[in-house]
N, C-alpha and C. Protein backbone atom coordinates (compact mmCIF):
# COMPACT_ATOMS: atom_id res chain seq x y z
N UNK A 1 -17.32 3.69 -13.81
CA UNK A 1 -15.90 3.29 -13.67
C UNK A 1 -15.14 4.38 -13.79
N UNK A 2 -15.36 5.25 -14.92
CA UNK A 2 -14.38 6.54 -15.24
C UNK A 2 -14.50 7.46 -14.04
N UNK A 3 -15.72 7.60 -13.48
CA UNK A 3 -15.96 8.60 -12.44
C UNK A 3 -15.03 8.15 -11.17
N UNK A 4 -15.10 6.67 -10.98
CA UNK A 4 -14.41 6.31 -9.78
C UNK A 4 -12.81 6.53 -9.92
N UNK A 5 -12.35 6.31 -11.22
CA UNK A 5 -10.99 6.55 -11.36
C UNK A 5 -10.53 7.94 -11.19
N UNK A 6 -11.41 8.69 -11.74
CA UNK A 6 -11.11 10.24 -11.70
C UNK A 6 -11.15 10.68 -10.40
N UNK A 7 -12.10 10.18 -9.31
CA UNK A 7 -12.19 10.58 -8.01
C UNK A 7 -10.86 10.10 -7.22
N UNK A 8 -10.49 8.89 -7.58
CA UNK A 8 -9.31 8.31 -7.08
C UNK A 8 -7.94 9.12 -7.45
N UNK A 9 -7.89 9.54 -8.65
CA UNK A 9 -6.75 10.36 -9.01
C UNK A 9 -6.96 11.75 -8.39
N UNK A 10 -7.98 12.27 -8.24
CA UNK A 10 -8.14 13.55 -7.72
C UNK A 10 -7.73 13.55 -6.20
N UNK A 11 -8.12 12.53 -5.53
CA UNK A 11 -7.76 12.27 -4.02
C UNK A 11 -6.21 12.32 -3.97
N UNK A 12 -5.55 11.53 -4.84
CA UNK A 12 -4.13 11.20 -4.72
C UNK A 12 -3.36 12.63 -5.07
N UNK A 13 -3.85 13.32 -6.00
CA UNK A 13 -3.22 14.60 -6.40
C UNK A 13 -3.40 15.61 -5.27
N UNK A 14 -4.59 15.66 -4.68
CA UNK A 14 -4.83 16.62 -3.50
C UNK A 14 -4.03 16.23 -2.34
N UNK A 15 -3.95 14.97 -2.16
CA UNK A 15 -3.11 14.48 -0.98
C UNK A 15 -1.68 14.84 -1.10
N UNK A 16 -1.03 14.53 -2.34
CA UNK A 16 0.18 15.00 -2.51
C UNK A 16 0.54 16.36 -2.75
N UNK A 17 -0.37 17.22 -3.07
CA UNK A 17 -0.08 18.56 -3.10
C UNK A 17 -0.07 19.22 -1.75
N UNK A 18 -0.74 18.58 -0.69
CA UNK A 18 -0.58 19.00 0.63
C UNK A 18 0.82 19.06 1.20
N UNK A 19 1.73 18.15 0.71
CA UNK A 19 3.04 17.95 1.06
C UNK A 19 4.03 18.50 0.07
N UNK A 20 3.53 19.20 -0.87
CA UNK A 20 4.44 19.64 -1.98
C UNK A 20 5.70 20.52 -1.56
N UNK A 21 5.46 21.26 -0.51
CA UNK A 21 6.66 22.16 0.02
C UNK A 21 7.64 21.19 0.68
N UNK A 22 7.18 20.19 1.49
CA UNK A 22 7.97 19.31 2.25
C UNK A 22 8.58 18.24 1.25
N UNK A 23 7.89 17.89 0.00
CA UNK A 23 8.56 16.90 -0.75
C UNK A 23 9.65 17.72 -1.42
N UNK A 24 9.61 18.83 -1.81
CA UNK A 24 10.72 19.47 -2.52
C UNK A 24 11.99 19.53 -1.55
N UNK A 25 11.73 19.66 -0.24
CA UNK A 25 12.92 19.60 0.66
C UNK A 25 13.27 18.25 1.26
N UNK A 26 12.52 17.24 0.85
CA UNK A 26 12.82 15.97 1.51
C UNK A 26 13.53 14.90 0.73
N UNK A 27 13.82 13.74 1.21
CA UNK A 27 14.45 12.82 0.57
C UNK A 27 13.50 11.91 -0.37
N UNK A 28 13.88 11.80 -1.57
CA UNK A 28 12.88 11.11 -2.60
C UNK A 28 13.35 9.65 -2.58
N UNK A 29 12.52 8.59 -2.87
CA UNK A 29 12.86 7.28 -2.88
C UNK A 29 12.14 6.54 -3.89
N UNK A 30 12.73 5.38 -4.29
CA UNK A 30 12.14 4.37 -5.08
C UNK A 30 12.25 3.10 -4.28
N UNK A 31 11.32 2.17 -4.39
CA UNK A 31 11.42 0.97 -3.65
C UNK A 31 10.67 -0.07 -4.19
N UNK A 32 10.96 -1.28 -3.67
CA UNK A 32 10.27 -2.63 -3.92
C UNK A 32 9.64 -3.23 -2.60
N UNK A 33 8.54 -3.90 -2.76
CA UNK A 33 7.99 -4.45 -1.56
C UNK A 33 7.49 -5.88 -1.84
N UNK A 34 7.61 -6.83 -0.90
CA UNK A 34 7.08 -8.13 -0.98
C UNK A 34 6.28 -8.43 0.31
N UNK A 35 5.07 -8.97 0.15
CA UNK A 35 4.20 -9.11 1.29
C UNK A 35 3.55 -10.48 1.32
N UNK A 36 3.33 -11.05 2.36
CA UNK A 36 2.55 -12.37 2.60
C UNK A 36 1.06 -11.74 3.07
N UNK A 37 0.14 -12.04 2.01
CA UNK A 37 -1.22 -11.35 2.10
C UNK A 37 -2.20 -12.39 2.51
N UNK A 38 -3.11 -12.16 3.12
CA UNK A 38 -4.39 -12.92 3.30
C UNK A 38 -5.53 -12.03 3.08
N UNK A 39 -6.52 -12.59 2.13
CA UNK A 39 -7.62 -11.87 1.80
C UNK A 39 -9.01 -12.51 1.93
N UNK A 40 -10.02 -11.86 2.24
CA UNK A 40 -11.37 -12.57 2.34
C UNK A 40 -12.08 -11.93 1.09
N UNK A 41 -12.66 -12.79 0.20
CA UNK A 41 -13.25 -12.30 -0.93
C UNK A 41 -14.30 -13.50 -1.39
N UNK A 42 -15.22 -13.10 -2.29
CA UNK A 42 -16.00 -14.06 -3.09
C UNK A 42 -15.31 -14.79 -4.19
N UNK A 43 -15.55 -15.95 -4.29
CA UNK A 43 -15.05 -16.84 -5.31
C UNK A 43 -16.26 -17.59 -5.94
N UNK A 44 -16.15 -18.12 -7.22
CA UNK A 44 -17.27 -18.73 -7.62
C UNK A 44 -17.70 -19.85 -6.77
N UNK A 45 -18.91 -19.75 -6.29
CA UNK A 45 -19.58 -20.86 -5.42
C UNK A 45 -19.14 -20.69 -4.02
N UNK A 46 -18.28 -19.77 -3.64
CA UNK A 46 -17.71 -19.78 -2.32
C UNK A 46 -17.75 -18.33 -1.77
N UNK A 47 -18.82 -17.92 -1.27
CA UNK A 47 -18.77 -16.54 -0.70
C UNK A 47 -17.77 -16.40 0.61
N UNK A 48 -17.08 -15.27 0.89
CA UNK A 48 -16.28 -15.07 1.93
C UNK A 48 -15.11 -16.11 2.13
N UNK A 49 -14.48 -16.25 0.80
CA UNK A 49 -13.43 -17.38 0.86
C UNK A 49 -12.17 -16.73 1.35
N UNK A 50 -11.39 -17.35 2.29
CA UNK A 50 -10.12 -16.84 2.75
C UNK A 50 -9.08 -17.51 1.95
N UNK A 51 -8.18 -16.57 1.27
CA UNK A 51 -6.99 -16.93 0.51
C UNK A 51 -5.89 -16.29 1.04
N UNK A 52 -4.71 -16.86 0.60
CA UNK A 52 -3.45 -16.11 1.00
C UNK A 52 -2.48 -16.56 -0.20
N UNK A 53 -1.46 -15.55 -0.37
CA UNK A 53 -0.53 -15.62 -1.31
C UNK A 53 0.53 -14.55 -1.19
N UNK A 54 1.60 -14.53 -2.02
CA UNK A 54 2.72 -13.62 -1.80
C UNK A 54 2.21 -12.49 -2.78
N UNK A 55 2.58 -11.25 -2.38
CA UNK A 55 2.18 -10.02 -3.16
C UNK A 55 3.54 -9.16 -3.33
N UNK A 56 3.54 -8.64 -4.65
CA UNK A 56 4.71 -7.93 -5.06
C UNK A 56 4.33 -6.48 -5.31
N UNK A 57 5.21 -5.47 -5.05
CA UNK A 57 4.90 -4.05 -5.53
C UNK A 57 6.02 -3.20 -5.72
N UNK A 58 5.67 -1.96 -6.21
CA UNK A 58 6.61 -0.86 -6.44
C UNK A 58 5.99 0.32 -5.77
N UNK A 59 7.09 1.06 -5.28
CA UNK A 59 6.70 2.17 -4.38
C UNK A 59 7.75 3.41 -4.91
N UNK A 60 7.01 4.51 -4.76
CA UNK A 60 7.62 5.86 -5.17
C UNK A 60 7.31 6.80 -4.11
N UNK A 61 8.18 7.71 -3.61
CA UNK A 61 7.70 8.54 -2.68
C UNK A 61 8.76 9.51 -2.05
N UNK A 62 8.47 10.25 -0.91
CA UNK A 62 9.35 11.08 -0.41
C UNK A 62 9.09 11.06 1.23
N UNK A 63 10.11 11.29 1.89
CA UNK A 63 10.15 11.42 3.39
C UNK A 63 10.90 12.36 3.97
N UNK A 64 10.44 12.94 5.21
CA UNK A 64 11.22 13.87 6.02
C UNK A 64 11.48 13.02 7.24
N UNK A 65 11.99 13.74 8.24
CA UNK A 65 12.23 13.07 9.56
C UNK A 65 10.83 12.67 10.33
N UNK A 66 9.72 13.42 9.78
CA UNK A 66 8.56 13.35 10.55
C UNK A 66 7.49 12.48 9.61
N UNK A 67 7.40 12.71 8.36
CA UNK A 67 6.50 12.16 7.52
C UNK A 67 6.88 11.30 6.38
N UNK A 68 6.23 10.32 5.78
CA UNK A 68 6.57 9.68 4.48
C UNK A 68 5.31 9.68 3.81
N UNK A 69 5.33 9.87 2.64
CA UNK A 69 4.28 9.88 1.61
C UNK A 69 4.69 9.04 0.47
N UNK A 70 3.90 8.05 0.10
CA UNK A 70 4.32 7.17 -1.11
C UNK A 70 3.24 6.85 -2.01
N UNK A 71 3.34 6.55 -3.24
CA UNK A 71 2.35 5.86 -4.13
C UNK A 71 2.95 4.34 -4.27
N UNK A 72 1.96 3.57 -4.00
CA UNK A 72 2.35 2.04 -4.17
C UNK A 72 1.50 1.40 -5.22
N UNK A 73 2.07 0.62 -5.85
CA UNK A 73 1.35 -0.32 -6.95
C UNK A 73 1.75 -1.69 -6.62
N UNK A 74 0.71 -2.57 -6.25
CA UNK A 74 0.78 -3.91 -5.89
C UNK A 74 0.19 -4.84 -6.73
N UNK A 75 0.59 -6.12 -6.72
CA UNK A 75 -0.05 -7.07 -7.52
C UNK A 75 -0.05 -8.51 -6.68
N UNK A 76 -1.25 -8.85 -6.39
CA UNK A 76 -1.50 -10.28 -5.80
C UNK A 76 -2.00 -11.13 -6.65
N UNK A 77 -1.37 -12.47 -6.74
CA UNK A 77 -1.77 -13.37 -7.77
C UNK A 77 -1.66 -14.75 -6.94
N UNK A 78 -2.77 -15.45 -6.94
CA UNK A 78 -2.76 -16.75 -6.26
C UNK A 78 -3.46 -17.67 -7.30
N UNK A 79 -2.51 -18.46 -7.97
CA UNK A 79 -3.00 -19.29 -8.89
C UNK A 79 -3.61 -20.64 -8.42
N UNK A 80 -3.37 -20.82 -7.04
CA UNK A 80 -3.75 -21.99 -6.32
C UNK A 80 -5.27 -22.01 -6.12
N UNK A 81 -5.86 -20.71 -5.85
CA UNK A 81 -7.19 -20.42 -5.69
C UNK A 81 -7.81 -19.52 -6.64
N UNK A 82 -7.09 -19.29 -7.76
CA UNK A 82 -7.63 -18.36 -8.83
C UNK A 82 -8.10 -17.05 -8.39
N UNK A 83 -7.22 -16.35 -7.77
CA UNK A 83 -7.64 -15.00 -7.28
C UNK A 83 -6.47 -14.05 -7.69
N UNK A 84 -6.75 -12.85 -8.16
CA UNK A 84 -5.79 -11.68 -8.24
C UNK A 84 -6.28 -10.43 -8.06
N UNK A 85 -5.42 -9.48 -7.60
CA UNK A 85 -5.72 -8.18 -7.22
C UNK A 85 -4.68 -7.21 -7.60
N UNK A 86 -5.09 -6.25 -8.32
CA UNK A 86 -4.21 -5.13 -8.69
C UNK A 86 -4.66 -3.90 -7.96
N UNK A 87 -3.68 -3.24 -7.28
CA UNK A 87 -3.90 -2.14 -6.30
C UNK A 87 -2.96 -0.98 -6.67
N UNK A 88 -3.64 0.27 -6.52
CA UNK A 88 -2.72 1.47 -6.61
C UNK A 88 -3.26 2.31 -5.48
N UNK A 89 -2.33 2.80 -4.70
CA UNK A 89 -2.88 3.60 -3.55
C UNK A 89 -1.83 4.60 -2.99
N UNK A 90 -2.26 5.66 -2.23
CA UNK A 90 -1.53 6.68 -1.67
C UNK A 90 -1.39 6.35 -0.18
N UNK A 91 -0.14 6.24 0.38
CA UNK A 91 0.06 6.17 1.75
C UNK A 91 0.64 7.28 2.45
N UNK A 92 0.33 7.66 3.57
CA UNK A 92 0.88 8.63 4.40
C UNK A 92 1.28 8.09 5.74
N UNK A 93 2.48 8.10 6.10
CA UNK A 93 2.96 7.68 7.40
C UNK A 93 3.54 8.72 8.22
N UNK A 94 3.30 8.59 9.62
CA UNK A 94 3.89 9.54 10.62
C UNK A 94 4.89 8.74 11.39
N UNK A 95 6.19 9.19 11.48
CA UNK A 95 7.24 8.56 12.26
C UNK A 95 7.19 9.30 13.57
N UNK A 96 6.88 8.51 14.64
CA UNK A 96 6.67 9.17 16.05
C UNK A 96 8.06 9.09 16.86
N UNK A 97 9.10 8.70 16.23
CA UNK A 97 10.48 9.11 16.81
C UNK A 97 11.16 9.81 15.76
N UNK A 98 11.40 11.20 16.04
CA UNK A 98 11.85 12.19 14.96
C UNK A 98 13.36 12.53 15.19
N UNK A 99 14.22 11.79 16.14
CA UNK A 99 15.50 12.09 16.15
C UNK A 99 16.32 11.38 15.09
N UNK A 100 17.63 11.38 15.27
CA UNK A 100 18.39 10.87 14.32
C UNK A 100 18.62 9.21 14.33
N UNK A 101 17.52 8.69 14.94
CA UNK A 101 17.54 7.18 15.13
C UNK A 101 17.71 6.50 13.80
N UNK A 102 18.26 5.25 13.82
CA UNK A 102 18.37 4.53 12.64
C UNK A 102 17.02 3.48 12.54
N UNK A 103 16.28 3.50 13.84
CA UNK A 103 15.12 2.65 13.98
C UNK A 103 14.06 3.72 14.07
N UNK A 104 13.08 3.80 13.21
CA UNK A 104 11.97 4.67 13.30
C UNK A 104 10.64 3.96 13.17
N UNK A 105 9.96 3.87 14.21
CA UNK A 105 8.46 3.39 14.01
C UNK A 105 7.56 4.35 13.47
N UNK A 106 6.46 3.69 12.90
CA UNK A 106 5.50 4.71 12.14
C UNK A 106 4.21 4.07 12.14
N UNK A 107 3.06 5.02 12.07
CA UNK A 107 1.73 4.58 11.80
C UNK A 107 1.34 5.37 10.55
N UNK A 108 0.30 4.87 9.95
CA UNK A 108 -0.13 5.44 8.68
C UNK A 108 -1.60 5.07 8.22
N UNK A 109 -2.06 5.93 7.30
CA UNK A 109 -3.36 5.58 6.64
C UNK A 109 -3.12 5.51 5.17
N UNK A 110 -3.94 4.97 4.27
CA UNK A 110 -3.86 4.78 2.91
C UNK A 110 -5.34 4.77 2.23
N UNK A 111 -5.30 5.09 1.00
CA UNK A 111 -6.47 5.27 0.21
C UNK A 111 -6.07 4.99 -1.31
N UNK A 112 -6.91 4.15 -1.87
CA UNK A 112 -6.56 3.81 -3.32
C UNK A 112 -7.76 3.08 -4.07
N UNK A 113 -7.33 2.43 -5.11
CA UNK A 113 -8.20 1.75 -6.02
C UNK A 113 -7.76 0.41 -6.38
N UNK A 114 -8.65 -0.45 -6.49
CA UNK A 114 -8.19 -1.96 -6.86
C UNK A 114 -9.16 -2.54 -7.77
N UNK A 115 -8.67 -3.71 -8.49
CA UNK A 115 -9.36 -4.52 -9.29
C UNK A 115 -9.24 -6.00 -8.87
N UNK A 116 -10.21 -6.52 -8.59
CA UNK A 116 -10.24 -8.04 -8.12
C UNK A 116 -10.87 -8.93 -9.11
N UNK A 117 -10.10 -10.04 -9.34
CA UNK A 117 -10.55 -11.01 -10.34
C UNK A 117 -10.45 -12.42 -9.78
N UNK A 118 -11.49 -13.22 -9.98
CA UNK A 118 -11.56 -14.68 -9.70
C UNK A 118 -12.49 -15.33 -10.71
N UNK A 119 -12.63 -16.60 -10.60
CA UNK A 119 -13.48 -17.30 -11.47
C UNK A 119 -14.96 -16.67 -11.50
N UNK A 120 -15.36 -16.26 -12.79
CA UNK A 120 -16.64 -15.69 -12.99
C UNK A 120 -16.93 -14.34 -12.07
N UNK A 121 -15.78 -13.73 -11.38
CA UNK A 121 -15.91 -12.63 -10.68
C UNK A 121 -14.96 -11.68 -11.02
N UNK A 122 -15.37 -10.42 -11.43
CA UNK A 122 -14.44 -9.22 -11.66
C UNK A 122 -15.00 -7.97 -11.15
N UNK A 123 -14.45 -7.32 -10.38
CA UNK A 123 -14.98 -6.13 -9.61
C UNK A 123 -13.90 -5.17 -9.37
N UNK A 124 -14.22 -3.93 -9.43
CA UNK A 124 -13.35 -2.81 -8.94
C UNK A 124 -13.94 -2.09 -7.76
N UNK A 125 -13.05 -1.40 -7.15
CA UNK A 125 -13.57 -0.52 -6.02
C UNK A 125 -12.49 0.13 -5.32
N UNK A 126 -12.90 1.04 -4.44
CA UNK A 126 -11.88 1.85 -3.52
C UNK A 126 -11.31 1.01 -2.37
N UNK A 127 -10.29 1.21 -1.99
CA UNK A 127 -9.55 0.67 -0.82
C UNK A 127 -9.12 1.75 0.20
N UNK A 128 -9.29 1.37 1.47
CA UNK A 128 -8.83 2.40 2.51
C UNK A 128 -8.34 1.43 3.73
N UNK A 129 -7.38 2.06 4.45
CA UNK A 129 -6.90 1.33 5.59
C UNK A 129 -5.93 1.95 6.32
N UNK A 130 -5.07 1.14 7.07
CA UNK A 130 -4.03 1.72 7.94
C UNK A 130 -2.87 0.74 7.97
N UNK A 131 -1.65 1.21 8.34
CA UNK A 131 -0.57 0.41 8.51
C UNK A 131 0.28 0.87 9.63
N UNK A 132 1.11 -0.15 10.13
CA UNK A 132 1.98 0.27 11.27
C UNK A 132 3.24 -0.54 11.08
N UNK A 133 4.49 -0.03 11.49
CA UNK A 133 5.67 -0.70 11.48
C UNK A 133 6.76 0.13 11.81
N UNK A 134 8.04 -0.33 11.10
CA UNK A 134 9.04 0.46 11.44
C UNK A 134 10.17 0.51 10.29
N UNK A 135 10.88 1.46 10.36
CA UNK A 135 12.01 1.79 9.17
C UNK A 135 13.26 1.64 9.80
N UNK A 136 14.18 0.94 9.08
CA UNK A 136 15.59 0.87 9.66
C UNK A 136 16.45 1.40 8.66
N UNK A 137 17.23 2.48 8.85
CA UNK A 137 18.24 3.06 7.93
C UNK A 137 19.48 2.23 7.94
N UNK A 138 19.75 1.42 6.91
CA UNK A 138 20.95 0.52 7.02
C UNK A 138 22.15 1.06 6.31
N UNK A 139 21.92 1.92 5.48
CA UNK A 139 23.09 2.74 4.80
C UNK A 139 22.50 4.14 4.53
N UNK A 140 23.34 5.02 4.08
CA UNK A 140 22.88 6.40 3.71
C UNK A 140 21.80 6.58 2.79
N UNK A 141 21.84 5.58 1.87
CA UNK A 141 20.82 5.53 0.69
C UNK A 141 19.92 4.42 0.81
N UNK A 142 19.91 3.69 1.80
CA UNK A 142 19.08 2.41 1.73
C UNK A 142 18.18 2.27 3.12
N UNK A 143 17.03 2.26 3.01
CA UNK A 143 15.99 1.99 4.05
C UNK A 143 15.30 0.71 3.96
N UNK A 144 15.21 -0.08 4.95
CA UNK A 144 14.41 -1.23 4.99
C UNK A 144 13.22 -1.06 6.01
N UNK A 145 12.07 -1.53 5.49
CA UNK A 145 10.91 -1.43 6.45
C UNK A 145 10.14 -2.74 6.58
N UNK A 146 9.51 -2.92 7.71
CA UNK A 146 8.61 -4.10 8.04
C UNK A 146 7.43 -3.58 8.65
N UNK A 147 6.21 -3.86 8.10
CA UNK A 147 5.06 -3.48 8.57
C UNK A 147 3.92 -4.41 8.49
N UNK A 148 2.83 -4.06 9.15
CA UNK A 148 1.45 -4.71 8.92
C UNK A 148 0.54 -3.74 8.29
N UNK A 149 -0.05 -4.12 7.29
CA UNK A 149 -1.04 -3.16 6.44
C UNK A 149 -2.44 -3.97 6.43
N UNK A 150 -3.48 -3.21 6.77
CA UNK A 150 -4.86 -3.74 6.69
C UNK A 150 -5.56 -2.75 5.71
N UNK A 151 -6.36 -3.53 4.86
CA UNK A 151 -7.09 -2.75 3.76
C UNK A 151 -8.48 -3.32 3.88
N UNK A 152 -9.46 -2.27 3.74
CA UNK A 152 -10.84 -2.68 3.49
C UNK A 152 -11.21 -2.23 2.14
N UNK A 153 -12.24 -2.77 1.59
CA UNK A 153 -12.71 -2.44 0.23
C UNK A 153 -14.27 -2.17 0.18
N UNK A 154 -14.72 -1.21 -0.72
CA UNK A 154 -16.03 -1.09 -0.76
C UNK A 154 -16.81 -1.93 -1.86
N UNK A 155 -15.88 -2.82 -2.57
CA UNK A 155 -16.47 -3.70 -3.50
C UNK A 155 -17.13 -4.85 -2.81
N UNK A 156 -18.18 -5.36 -3.40
CA UNK A 156 -19.01 -6.51 -2.80
C UNK A 156 -18.21 -7.87 -2.79
N UNK A 157 -17.38 -8.03 -3.87
CA UNK A 157 -16.63 -9.23 -3.88
C UNK A 157 -15.37 -9.35 -2.93
N UNK A 158 -14.83 -8.28 -2.65
CA UNK A 158 -13.47 -8.34 -1.86
C UNK A 158 -13.91 -7.45 -0.54
N UNK A 159 -13.74 -8.17 0.58
CA UNK A 159 -13.94 -7.54 1.84
C UNK A 159 -12.77 -6.81 2.32
N UNK A 160 -11.80 -7.66 2.82
CA UNK A 160 -10.48 -6.96 3.32
C UNK A 160 -9.27 -7.75 3.00
N UNK A 161 -8.16 -7.13 3.15
CA UNK A 161 -6.82 -7.80 3.01
C UNK A 161 -5.84 -7.42 4.11
N UNK A 162 -5.04 -8.27 4.64
CA UNK A 162 -4.20 -8.09 5.72
C UNK A 162 -2.77 -8.58 5.22
N UNK A 163 -1.78 -7.66 5.29
CA UNK A 163 -0.47 -8.07 4.78
C UNK A 163 0.72 -7.80 5.75
N UNK A 164 1.64 -8.69 5.79
CA UNK A 164 2.86 -8.53 6.48
C UNK A 164 3.84 -8.03 5.22
N UNK A 165 4.33 -6.80 5.20
CA UNK A 165 5.06 -6.32 4.23
C UNK A 165 6.55 -6.07 4.58
N UNK A 166 7.43 -6.37 3.69
CA UNK A 166 8.84 -6.16 3.82
C UNK A 166 9.18 -5.20 2.59
N UNK A 167 9.85 -4.07 2.67
CA UNK A 167 10.27 -3.17 1.81
C UNK A 167 11.66 -2.68 1.78
N UNK A 168 12.17 -2.42 0.62
CA UNK A 168 13.46 -1.65 0.52
C UNK A 168 13.48 -0.66 -0.26
N UNK A 169 13.95 0.56 0.22
CA UNK A 169 13.77 1.85 -0.41
C UNK A 169 15.21 2.29 -0.81
N UNK A 170 15.40 2.84 -2.07
CA UNK A 170 16.57 3.65 -2.45
C UNK A 170 16.40 5.04 -2.34
N UNK A 171 17.14 5.79 -1.41
CA UNK A 171 16.91 7.30 -1.27
C UNK A 171 17.89 7.93 -2.07
N UNK A 172 17.27 9.04 -2.84
CA UNK A 172 18.15 9.92 -3.48
C UNK A 172 17.98 11.27 -3.34
C-alpha cells in the first residue's frame, strides 16, 4: 500500500515538473467540478454491478494557450447502492484550438490513485484514462468546462468509471 502511494506521488511530481517552466508563466486556477458518474464494480454478492451517482471534486492547476495540467480530488458516494470512491489524479489536457477563442476544445490523459468501498469490499488501486471536452472563457477570471472522462482501474473490485463532468475554474 505504501509502495503504491509512493509510486503515485512520484508520477505526479515528475509529471508536474515537466511543465514547471510553463507553469510559472501560465494562468493558475482553482476549481470545482460536479459529475454524473456511472461505474462498474463488485458489490457484496453482485460481481460487475453497474451503479451511478453524482460525484463532486476540487481541482487546482495551471494552463497556457496550448496545455492544461491539474490535480483533481473527487468523491463519489452512492448511498442507494452502498458504493463510494475517493480519487486523486493528475490530468494533462491539450487544447487543439490555440488562438484567442473563448471556446477551446481539448483532449487529455490522466493517472491517479483511488480507494473503492462497498459492502464487505474495500480496495485501492491505480486509475488511468482519458478525457475530451471543451472550455469556455465566460469572464477574464472564470472558465467553464464540459467534458467526458473515462477511467480504468487495476483494482479487482472496480473495473471502470465514465463521467460527464461540469467544471468551473477561477483563474488568478
